[in-house]
PDB file of all heavy atoms in Angstrom:
ATOM      1  N   LEU A   1     -90.089  -8.872   7.586  1.00  0.00           N
ATOM      2  CA  LEU A   1     -89.202  -8.105   6.712  1.00  0.00           C
ATOM      3  C   LEU A   1     -89.613  -6.638   6.636  1.00  0.00           C
ATOM      4  O   LEU A   1     -88.724  -5.767   6.641  1.00  0.00           O
ATOM      5  CB  LEU A   1     -89.119  -8.735   5.327  1.00  0.00           C
ATOM      6  CG  LEU A   1     -88.467 -10.071   5.211  1.00  0.00           C
ATOM      7  CD1 LEU A   1     -88.605 -10.608   3.813  1.00  0.00           C
ATOM      8  CD2 LEU A   1     -86.954  -9.960   5.623  1.00  0.00           C
ATOM      9  N   ARG A   2     -90.905  -6.492   6.663  1.00  0.00           N
ATOM     10  CA  ARG A   2     -91.402  -5.089   6.571  1.00  0.00           C
ATOM     11  C   ARG A   2     -91.114  -4.326   7.844  1.00  0.00           C
ATOM     12  O   ARG A   2     -90.703  -3.121   7.811  1.00  0.00           O
ATOM     13  CB  ARG A   2     -92.917  -5.094   6.320  1.00  0.00           C
ATOM     14  CG  ARG A   2     -93.484  -3.814   5.769  1.00  0.00           C
ATOM     15  CD  ARG A   2     -94.827  -3.978   5.128  1.00  0.00           C
ATOM     16  NE  ARG A   2     -95.353  -2.796   4.485  1.00  0.00           N
ATOM     17  CZ  ARG A   2     -96.441  -2.157   4.770  1.00  0.00           C
ATOM     18  NH1 ARG A   2     -97.258  -2.735   5.668  1.00  0.00           N
ATOM     19  NH2 ARG A   2     -96.819  -1.089   4.117  1.00  0.00           N
ATOM     20  N   GLN A   3     -91.263  -4.968   8.994  1.00  0.00           N
ATOM     21  CA  GLN A   3     -90.944  -4.321  10.244  1.00  0.00           C
ATOM     22  C   GLN A   3     -89.456  -3.958  10.306  1.00  0.00           C
ATOM     23  O   GLN A   3     -89.071  -2.894  10.817  1.00  0.00           O
ATOM     24  CB  GLN A   3     -91.238  -5.347  11.382  1.00  0.00           C
ATOM     25  CG  GLN A   3     -92.624  -5.337  11.902  1.00  0.00           C
ATOM     26  CD  GLN A   3     -92.845  -6.065  13.161  1.00  0.00           C
ATOM     27  OE1 GLN A   3     -91.973  -5.879  14.107  1.00  0.00           O
ATOM     28  NE2 GLN A   3     -93.808  -6.927  13.303  1.00  0.00           N
ATOM     29  N   LEU A   4     -88.627  -4.829   9.768  1.00  0.00           N
ATOM     30  CA  LEU A   4     -87.155  -4.624   9.761  1.00  0.00           C
ATOM     31  C   LEU A   4     -86.714  -3.652   8.670  1.00  0.00           C
ATOM     32  O   LEU A   4     -85.545  -3.316   8.555  1.00  0.00           O
ATOM     33  CB  LEU A   4     -86.412  -5.916   9.535  1.00  0.00           C
ATOM     34  CG  LEU A   4     -86.525  -6.984  10.722  1.00  0.00           C
ATOM     35  CD1 LEU A   4     -85.913  -8.348  10.262  1.00  0.00           C
ATOM     36  CD2 LEU A   4     -85.828  -6.468  11.899  1.00  0.00           C
ATOM     37  N   LYS A   5     -87.725  -3.179   7.828  1.00  0.00           N
ATOM     38  CA  LYS A   5     -87.440  -2.295   6.705  1.00  0.00           C
ATOM     39  C   LYS A   5     -86.360  -2.866   5.789  1.00  0.00           C
ATOM     40  O   LYS A   5     -85.464  -2.162   5.312  1.00  0.00           O
ATOM     41  CB  LYS A   5     -87.042  -0.906   7.241  1.00  0.00           C
ATOM     42  CG  LYS A   5     -88.171  -0.265   8.021  1.00  0.00           C
ATOM     43  CD  LYS A   5     -87.787   1.137   8.481  1.00  0.00           C
ATOM     44  CE  LYS A   5     -88.881   1.757   9.346  1.00  0.00           C
ATOM     45  NZ  LYS A   5     -88.570   3.110   9.883  1.00  0.00           N
ATOM     46  N   SER A   6     -86.510  -4.149   5.579  1.00  0.00           N
ATOM     47  CA  SER A   6     -85.494  -4.892   4.743  1.00  0.00           C
ATOM     48  C   SER A   6     -85.702  -4.658   3.289  1.00  0.00           C
ATOM     49  O   SER A   6     -86.863  -4.594   2.818  1.00  0.00           O
ATOM     50  CB  SER A   6     -85.626  -6.376   5.085  1.00  0.00           C
ATOM     51  OG  SER A   6     -84.844  -7.051   4.110  1.00  0.00           O
ATOM     52  N   GLU A   7     -84.633  -4.459   2.539  1.00  0.00           N
ATOM     53  CA  GLU A   7     -84.676  -4.370   1.083  1.00  0.00           C
ATOM     54  C   GLU A   7     -85.216  -5.598   0.431  1.00  0.00           C
ATOM     55  O   GLU A   7     -85.628  -5.610  -0.762  1.00  0.00           O
ATOM     56  CB  GLU A   7     -83.339  -4.026   0.541  1.00  0.00           C
ATOM     57  CG  GLU A   7     -82.829  -2.642   0.935  1.00  0.00           C
ATOM     58  CD  GLU A   7     -81.468  -2.289   0.419  1.00  0.00           C
ATOM     59  OE1 GLU A   7     -80.874  -3.166  -0.305  1.00  0.00           O
ATOM     60  OE2 GLU A   7     -80.981  -1.144   0.576  1.00  0.00           O
ATOM     61  N   ALA A   8     -85.201  -6.693   1.162  1.00  0.00           N
ATOM     62  CA  ALA A   8     -85.734  -7.974   0.609  1.00  0.00           C
ATOM     63  C   ALA A   8     -87.211  -8.026   0.581  1.00  0.00           C
ATOM     64  O   ALA A   8     -87.788  -8.998  -0.005  1.00  0.00           O
ATOM     65  CB  ALA A   8     -85.205  -9.164   1.484  1.00  0.00           C
ATOM     66  N   PHE A   9     -87.919  -7.096   1.218  1.00  0.00           N
ATOM     67  CA  PHE A   9     -89.386  -7.223   1.316  1.00  0.00           C
ATOM     68  C   PHE A   9     -90.066  -7.222  -0.038  1.00  0.00           C
ATOM     69  O   PHE A   9     -90.842  -8.126  -0.359  1.00  0.00           O
ATOM     70  CB  PHE A   9     -89.962  -6.073   2.138  1.00  0.00           C
ATOM     71  CG  PHE A   9     -91.479  -5.938   2.045  1.00  0.00           C
ATOM     72  CD1 PHE A   9     -92.229  -6.849   2.742  1.00  0.00           C
ATOM     73  CD2 PHE A   9     -92.064  -5.050   1.237  1.00  0.00           C
ATOM     74  CE1 PHE A   9     -93.622  -6.753   2.629  1.00  0.00           C
ATOM     75  CE2 PHE A   9     -93.481  -4.891   1.155  1.00  0.00           C
ATOM     76  CZ  PHE A   9     -94.192  -5.853   1.853  1.00  0.00           C
ATOM     77  N   THR A  10     -89.766  -6.217  -0.888  1.00  0.00           N
ATOM     78  CA  THR A  10     -90.515  -6.089  -2.242  1.00  0.00           C
ATOM     79  C   THR A  10     -90.228  -7.356  -3.118  1.00  0.00           C
ATOM     80  O   THR A  10     -91.176  -7.922  -3.651  1.00  0.00           O
ATOM     81  CB  THR A  10     -90.070  -4.796  -2.935  1.00  0.00           C
ATOM     82  OG1 THR A  10     -90.499  -3.714  -2.093  1.00  0.00           O
ATOM     83  CG2 THR A  10     -90.789  -4.756  -4.242  1.00  0.00           C
ATOM     84  N   PRO A  11     -89.051  -7.762  -3.340  1.00  0.00           N
ATOM     85  CA  PRO A  11     -88.785  -8.909  -4.164  1.00  0.00           C
ATOM     86  C   PRO A  11     -89.432 -10.212  -3.582  1.00  0.00           C
ATOM     87  O   PRO A  11     -89.978 -11.039  -4.282  1.00  0.00           O
ATOM     88  CB  PRO A  11     -87.324  -9.119  -4.302  1.00  0.00           C
ATOM     89  CG  PRO A  11     -86.678  -8.165  -3.204  1.00  0.00           C
ATOM     90  CD  PRO A  11     -87.676  -7.104  -2.995  1.00  0.00           C
ATOM     91  N   ARG A  12     -89.417 -10.336  -2.229  1.00  0.00           N
ATOM     92  CA  ARG A  12     -90.048 -11.479  -1.562  1.00  0.00           C
ATOM     93  C   ARG A  12     -91.630 -11.445  -1.885  1.00  0.00           C
ATOM     94  O   ARG A  12     -92.164 -12.494  -2.119  1.00  0.00           O
ATOM     95  CB  ARG A  12     -89.778 -11.550  -0.094  1.00  0.00           C
ATOM     96  CG  ARG A  12     -90.417 -12.594   0.660  1.00  0.00           C
ATOM     97  CD  ARG A  12     -89.771 -13.992   0.424  1.00  0.00           C
ATOM     98  NE  ARG A  12     -88.438 -14.011   1.017  1.00  0.00           N
ATOM     99  CZ  ARG A  12     -88.145 -14.265   2.237  1.00  0.00           C
ATOM    100  NH1 ARG A  12     -89.073 -14.628   3.124  1.00  0.00           N
ATOM    101  NH2 ARG A  12     -86.887 -14.308   2.668  1.00  0.00           N
ATOM    102  N   LEU A  13     -92.187 -10.235  -1.696  1.00  0.00           N
ATOM    103  CA  LEU A  13     -93.597 -10.149  -1.982  1.00  0.00           C
ATOM    104  C   LEU A  13     -93.984 -10.553  -3.412  1.00  0.00           C
ATOM    105  O   LEU A  13     -94.930 -11.202  -3.676  1.00  0.00           O
ATOM    106  CB  LEU A  13     -94.064  -8.679  -1.677  1.00  0.00           C
ATOM    107  CG  LEU A  13     -95.515  -8.406  -2.050  1.00  0.00           C
ATOM    108  CD1 LEU A  13     -96.541  -9.307  -1.320  1.00  0.00           C
ATOM    109  CD2 LEU A  13     -95.866  -6.895  -1.825  1.00  0.00           C
ATOM    110  N   GLN A  14     -93.089 -10.138  -4.319  1.00  0.00           N
ATOM    111  CA  GLN A  14     -93.341 -10.533  -5.777  1.00  0.00           C
ATOM    112  C   GLN A  14     -93.241 -12.017  -5.942  1.00  0.00           C
ATOM    113  O   GLN A  14     -94.034 -12.626  -6.723  1.00  0.00           O
ATOM    114  CB  GLN A  14     -92.371  -9.762  -6.649  1.00  0.00           C
ATOM    115  CG  GLN A  14     -92.580  -8.242  -6.677  1.00  0.00           C
ATOM    116  CD  GLN A  14     -91.432  -7.593  -7.377  1.00  0.00           C
ATOM    117  OE1 GLN A  14     -90.382  -8.100  -7.665  1.00  0.00           O
ATOM    118  NE2 GLN A  14     -91.700  -6.256  -7.659  1.00  0.00           N
ATOM    119  N   VAL A  15     -92.364 -12.625  -5.237  1.00  0.00           N
ATOM    120  CA  VAL A  15     -92.207 -14.122  -5.342  1.00  0.00           C
ATOM    121  C   VAL A  15     -93.446 -14.751  -4.811  1.00  0.00           C
ATOM    122  O   VAL A  15     -94.020 -15.700  -5.447  1.00  0.00           O
ATOM    123  CB  VAL A  15     -90.972 -14.571  -4.557  1.00  0.00           C
ATOM    124  CG1 VAL A  15     -90.992 -16.104  -4.470  1.00  0.00           C
ATOM    125  CG2 VAL A  15     -89.695 -14.202  -5.295  1.00  0.00           C
ATOM    126  N   VAL A  16     -93.917 -14.360  -3.653  1.00  0.00           N
ATOM    127  CA  VAL A  16     -95.122 -14.878  -3.016  1.00  0.00           C
ATOM    128  C   VAL A  16     -96.356 -14.695  -3.955  1.00  0.00           C
ATOM    129  O   VAL A  16     -97.142 -15.610  -4.166  1.00  0.00           O
ATOM    130  CB  VAL A  16     -95.369 -14.241  -1.614  1.00  0.00           C
ATOM    131  CG1 VAL A  16     -96.764 -14.682  -1.082  1.00  0.00           C
ATOM    132  CG2 VAL A  16     -94.276 -14.700  -0.664  1.00  0.00           C
ATOM    133  N   GLN A  17     -96.456 -13.514  -4.511  1.00  0.00           N
ATOM    134  CA  GLN A  17     -97.551 -13.291  -5.469  1.00  0.00           C
ATOM    135  C   GLN A  17     -97.524 -14.181  -6.652  1.00  0.00           C
ATOM    136  O   GLN A  17     -98.602 -14.717  -7.087  1.00  0.00           O
ATOM    137  CB  GLN A  17     -97.545 -11.782  -5.921  1.00  0.00           C
ATOM    138  CG  GLN A  17     -97.948 -10.832  -4.880  1.00  0.00           C
ATOM    139  CD  GLN A  17     -97.803  -9.379  -5.285  1.00  0.00           C
ATOM    140  OE1 GLN A  17     -96.864  -9.077  -6.102  1.00  0.00           O
ATOM    141  NE2 GLN A  17     -98.644  -8.521  -4.831  1.00  0.00           N
ATOM    142  N   ARG A  18     -96.321 -14.401  -7.222  1.00  0.00           N
ATOM    143  CA  ARG A  18     -96.166 -15.249  -8.375  1.00  0.00           C
ATOM    144  C   ARG A  18     -96.534 -16.729  -8.080  1.00  0.00           C
ATOM    145  O   ARG A  18     -97.197 -17.394  -8.826  1.00  0.00           O
ATOM    146  CB  ARG A  18     -94.737 -15.175  -8.896  1.00  0.00           C
ATOM    147  CG  ARG A  18     -94.553 -15.879 -10.205  1.00  0.00           C
ATOM    148  CD  ARG A  18     -93.238 -15.561 -10.867  1.00  0.00           C
ATOM    149  NE  ARG A  18     -92.050 -15.994 -10.077  1.00  0.00           N
ATOM    150  CZ  ARG A  18     -91.310 -15.121  -9.334  1.00  0.00           C
ATOM    151  NH1 ARG A  18     -91.506 -13.872  -9.386  1.00  0.00           N
ATOM    152  NH2 ARG A  18     -90.279 -15.593  -8.608  1.00  0.00           N
ATOM    153  N   LEU A  19     -96.110 -17.187  -6.898  1.00  0.00           N
ATOM    154  CA  LEU A  19     -96.398 -18.529  -6.462  1.00  0.00           C
ATOM    155  C   LEU A  19     -97.872 -18.741  -6.230  1.00  0.00           C
ATOM    156  O   LEU A  19     -98.435 -19.873  -6.451  1.00  0.00           O
ATOM    157  CB  LEU A  19     -95.625 -18.910  -5.254  1.00  0.00           C
ATOM    158  CG  LEU A  19     -94.104 -19.051  -5.447  1.00  0.00           C
ATOM    159  CD1 LEU A  19     -93.398 -19.211  -4.050  1.00  0.00           C
ATOM    160  CD2 LEU A  19     -93.723 -20.149  -6.293  1.00  0.00           C
ATOM    161  N   ALA A  20     -98.593 -17.694  -5.714  1.00  0.00           N
ATOM    162  CA  ALA A  20    -100.007 -17.793  -5.398  1.00  0.00           C
ATOM    163  C   ALA A  20    -100.908 -17.662  -6.603  1.00  0.00           C
ATOM    164  O   ALA A  20    -102.071 -18.035  -6.556  1.00  0.00           O
ATOM    165  CB  ALA A  20    -100.329 -16.750  -4.286  1.00  0.00           C
ATOM    166  N   ALA A  21    -100.398 -17.047  -7.621  1.00  0.00           N
ATOM    167  CA  ALA A  21    -101.276 -16.530  -8.748  1.00  0.00           C
ATOM    168  C   ALA A  21    -102.026 -17.675  -9.505  1.00  0.00           C
ATOM    169  O   ALA A  21    -102.932 -17.274 -10.208  1.00  0.00           O
ATOM    170  CB  ALA A  21    -100.401 -15.771  -9.794  1.00  0.00           C
ATOM    171  N   THR A  22    -101.677 -18.910  -9.323  1.00  0.00           N
ATOM    172  CA  THR A  22    -102.405 -19.894 -10.000  1.00  0.00           C
ATOM    173  C   THR A  22    -103.395 -20.673  -9.147  1.00  0.00           C
ATOM    174  O   THR A  22    -104.017 -21.626  -9.574  1.00  0.00           O
ATOM    175  CB  THR A  22    -101.425 -20.982 -10.564  1.00  0.00           C
ATOM    176  OG1 THR A  22    -100.620 -21.476  -9.541  1.00  0.00           O
ATOM    177  CG2 THR A  22    -100.488 -20.319 -11.614  1.00  0.00           C
ATOM    178  N   ASN A  23    -103.550 -20.175  -7.899  1.00  0.00           N
ATOM    179  CA  ASN A  23    -104.392 -20.821  -6.951  1.00  0.00           C
ATOM    180  C   ASN A  23    -105.355 -19.748  -6.319  1.00  0.00           C
ATOM    181  O   ASN A  23    -104.853 -18.919  -5.564  1.00  0.00           O
ATOM    182  CB  ASN A  23    -103.627 -21.516  -5.863  1.00  0.00           C
ATOM    183  CG  ASN A  23    -104.443 -22.277  -4.877  1.00  0.00           C
ATOM    184  OD1 ASN A  23    -105.089 -21.650  -4.042  1.00  0.00           O
ATOM    185  ND2 ASN A  23    -104.510 -23.590  -4.968  1.00  0.00           N
ATOM    186  N   ALA A  24    -106.658 -19.869  -6.591  1.00  0.00           N
ATOM    187  CA  ALA A  24    -107.618 -18.815  -6.158  1.00  0.00           C
ATOM    188  C   ALA A  24    -107.619 -18.674  -4.645  1.00  0.00           C
ATOM    189  O   ALA A  24    -107.540 -17.464  -4.230  1.00  0.00           O
ATOM    190  CB  ALA A  24    -108.959 -19.088  -6.689  1.00  0.00           C
ATOM    191  N   PRO A  25    -107.772 -19.722  -3.780  1.00  0.00           N
ATOM    192  CA  PRO A  25    -107.682 -19.418  -2.377  1.00  0.00           C
ATOM    193  C   PRO A  25    -106.403 -18.811  -1.933  1.00  0.00           C
ATOM    194  O   PRO A  25    -106.403 -17.931  -1.040  1.00  0.00           O
ATOM    195  CB  PRO A  25    -107.880 -20.834  -1.745  1.00  0.00           C
ATOM    196  CG  PRO A  25    -108.611 -21.620  -2.808  1.00  0.00           C
ATOM    197  CD  PRO A  25    -108.103 -21.092  -4.107  1.00  0.00           C
ATOM    198  N   ALA A  26    -105.266 -19.148  -2.601  1.00  0.00           N
ATOM    199  CA  ALA A  26    -103.979 -18.573  -2.220  1.00  0.00           C
ATOM    200  C   ALA A  26    -103.993 -17.084  -2.568  1.00  0.00           C
ATOM    201  O   ALA A  26    -103.493 -16.241  -1.800  1.00  0.00           O
ATOM    202  CB  ALA A  26    -102.934 -19.315  -2.843  1.00  0.00           C
ATOM    203  N   VAL A  27    -104.504 -16.732  -3.745  1.00  0.00           N
ATOM    204  CA  VAL A  27    -104.644 -15.354  -4.159  1.00  0.00           C
ATOM    205  C   VAL A  27    -105.416 -14.532  -3.099  1.00  0.00           C
ATOM    206  O   VAL A  27    -104.998 -13.450  -2.696  1.00  0.00           O
ATOM    207  CB  VAL A  27    -105.253 -15.183  -5.499  1.00  0.00           C
ATOM    208  CG1 VAL A  27    -105.678 -13.704  -5.801  1.00  0.00           C
ATOM    209  CG2 VAL A  27    -104.399 -15.722  -6.585  1.00  0.00           C
ATOM    210  N   ALA A  28    -106.529 -15.119  -2.624  1.00  0.00           N
ATOM    211  CA  ALA A  28    -107.342 -14.481  -1.607  1.00  0.00           C
ATOM    212  C   ALA A  28    -106.589 -14.276  -0.308  1.00  0.00           C
ATOM    213  O   ALA A  28    -106.737 -13.216   0.315  1.00  0.00           O
ATOM    214  CB  ALA A  28    -108.648 -15.313  -1.377  1.00  0.00           C
ATOM    215  N   GLU A  29    -105.776 -15.258   0.002  1.00  0.00           N
ATOM    216  CA  GLU A  29    -105.039 -15.102   1.307  1.00  0.00           C
ATOM    217  C   GLU A  29    -103.938 -14.052   1.200  1.00  0.00           C
ATOM    218  O   GLU A  29    -103.790 -13.208   2.125  1.00  0.00           O
ATOM    219  CB  GLU A  29    -104.359 -16.476   1.550  1.00  0.00           C
ATOM    220  CG  GLU A  29    -103.835 -16.629   2.995  1.00  0.00           C
ATOM    221  CD  GLU A  29    -103.322 -18.020   3.309  1.00  0.00           C
ATOM    222  OE1 GLU A  29    -103.712 -18.952   2.560  1.00  0.00           O
ATOM    223  OE2 GLU A  29    -102.654 -18.225   4.331  1.00  0.00           O
ATOM    224  N   VAL A  30    -103.263 -13.984   0.020  1.00  0.00           N
ATOM    225  CA  VAL A  30    -102.263 -12.925  -0.132  1.00  0.00           C
ATOM    226  C   VAL A  30    -102.964 -11.597  -0.128  1.00  0.00           C
ATOM    227  O   VAL A  30    -102.510 -10.606   0.468  1.00  0.00           O
ATOM    228  CB  VAL A  30    -101.498 -13.129  -1.428  1.00  0.00           C
ATOM    229  CG1 VAL A  30    -100.514 -11.925  -1.697  1.00  0.00           C
ATOM    230  CG2 VAL A  30    -100.693 -14.418  -1.303  1.00  0.00           C
ATOM    231  N   ALA A  31    -104.068 -11.454  -0.857  1.00  0.00           N
ATOM    232  CA  ALA A  31    -104.775 -10.202  -0.933  1.00  0.00           C
ATOM    233  C   ALA A  31    -105.267  -9.682   0.447  1.00  0.00           C
ATOM    234  O   ALA A  31    -105.136  -8.541   0.814  1.00  0.00           O
ATOM    235  CB  ALA A  31    -106.047 -10.355  -1.863  1.00  0.00           C
ATOM    236  N   ALA A  32    -105.811 -10.649   1.316  1.00  0.00           N
ATOM    237  CA  ALA A  32    -106.241 -10.302   2.581  1.00  0.00           C
ATOM    238  C   ALA A  32    -105.038  -9.732   3.448  1.00  0.00           C
ATOM    239  O   ALA A  32    -105.210  -8.771   4.172  1.00  0.00           O
ATOM    240  CB  ALA A  32    -106.897 -11.503   3.302  1.00  0.00           C
ATOM    241  N   TRP A  33    -103.878 -10.426   3.292  1.00  0.00           N
ATOM    242  CA  TRP A  33    -102.699  -9.937   4.011  1.00  0.00           C
ATOM    243  C   TRP A  33    -102.316  -8.535   3.577  1.00  0.00           C
ATOM    244  O   TRP A  33    -102.057  -7.648   4.392  1.00  0.00           O
ATOM    245  CB  TRP A  33    -101.514 -10.925   3.815  1.00  0.00           C
ATOM    246  CG  TRP A  33    -100.354 -10.487   4.616  1.00  0.00           C
ATOM    247  CD1 TRP A  33     -99.988 -10.837   5.846  1.00  0.00           C
ATOM    248  CD2 TRP A  33     -99.252  -9.648   4.143  1.00  0.00           C
ATOM    249  NE1 TRP A  33     -98.878 -10.247   6.274  1.00  0.00           N
ATOM    250  CE2 TRP A  33     -98.361  -9.501   5.210  1.00  0.00           C
ATOM    251  CE3 TRP A  33     -99.035  -8.955   2.928  1.00  0.00           C
ATOM    252  CZ2 TRP A  33     -97.177  -8.763   5.160  1.00  0.00           C
ATOM    253  CZ3 TRP A  33     -97.851  -8.163   2.822  1.00  0.00           C
ATOM    254  CH2 TRP A  33     -96.966  -8.086   3.956  1.00  0.00           C
ATOM    255  N   MET A  34    -102.267  -8.281   2.275  1.00  0.00           N
ATOM    256  CA  MET A  34    -101.925  -6.994   1.755  1.00  0.00           C
ATOM    257  C   MET A  34    -102.922  -5.895   2.237  1.00  0.00           C
ATOM    258  O   MET A  34    -102.529  -4.748   2.608  1.00  0.00           O
ATOM    259  CB  MET A  34    -101.836  -6.964   0.237  1.00  0.00           C
ATOM    260  CG  MET A  34    -100.730  -7.861  -0.274  1.00  0.00           C
ATOM    261  SD  MET A  34    -100.631  -7.909  -2.075  1.00  0.00           S
ATOM    262  CE  MET A  34    -100.069  -6.228  -2.437  1.00  0.00           C
ATOM    263  N   GLN A  35    -104.214  -6.261   2.231  1.00  0.00           N
ATOM    264  CA  GLN A  35    -105.233  -5.265   2.659  1.00  0.00           C
ATOM    265  C   GLN A  35    -105.040  -4.974   4.118  1.00  0.00           C
ATOM    266  O   GLN A  35    -105.308  -3.781   4.590  1.00  0.00           O
ATOM    267  CB  GLN A  35    -106.579  -5.858   2.394  1.00  0.00           C
ATOM    268  CG  GLN A  35    -106.955  -5.901   0.863  1.00  0.00           C
ATOM    269  CD  GLN A  35    -108.183  -6.749   0.611  1.00  0.00           C
ATOM    270  OE1 GLN A  35    -108.996  -7.079   1.501  1.00  0.00           O
ATOM    271  NE2 GLN A  35    -108.380  -7.069  -0.678  1.00  0.00           N
ATOM    272  N   ALA A  36    -104.715  -5.953   4.965  1.00  0.00           N
ATOM    273  CA  ALA A  36    -104.487  -5.701   6.370  1.00  0.00           C
ATOM    274  C   ALA A  36    -103.188  -5.020   6.698  1.00  0.00           C
ATOM    275  O   ALA A  36    -102.982  -4.626   7.809  1.00  0.00           O
ATOM    276  CB  ALA A  36    -104.543  -7.103   7.100  1.00  0.00           C
TER     277      ALA A  36
END
């Protein structure tokens, strides 16, 4: 979505962050992706 410069990117990222926020390994995985 980011490559396509889609307007759906930011809301999708927020959904993924919210779903991961209760699981520490998932948080780490999302964080690693954002850092990369």
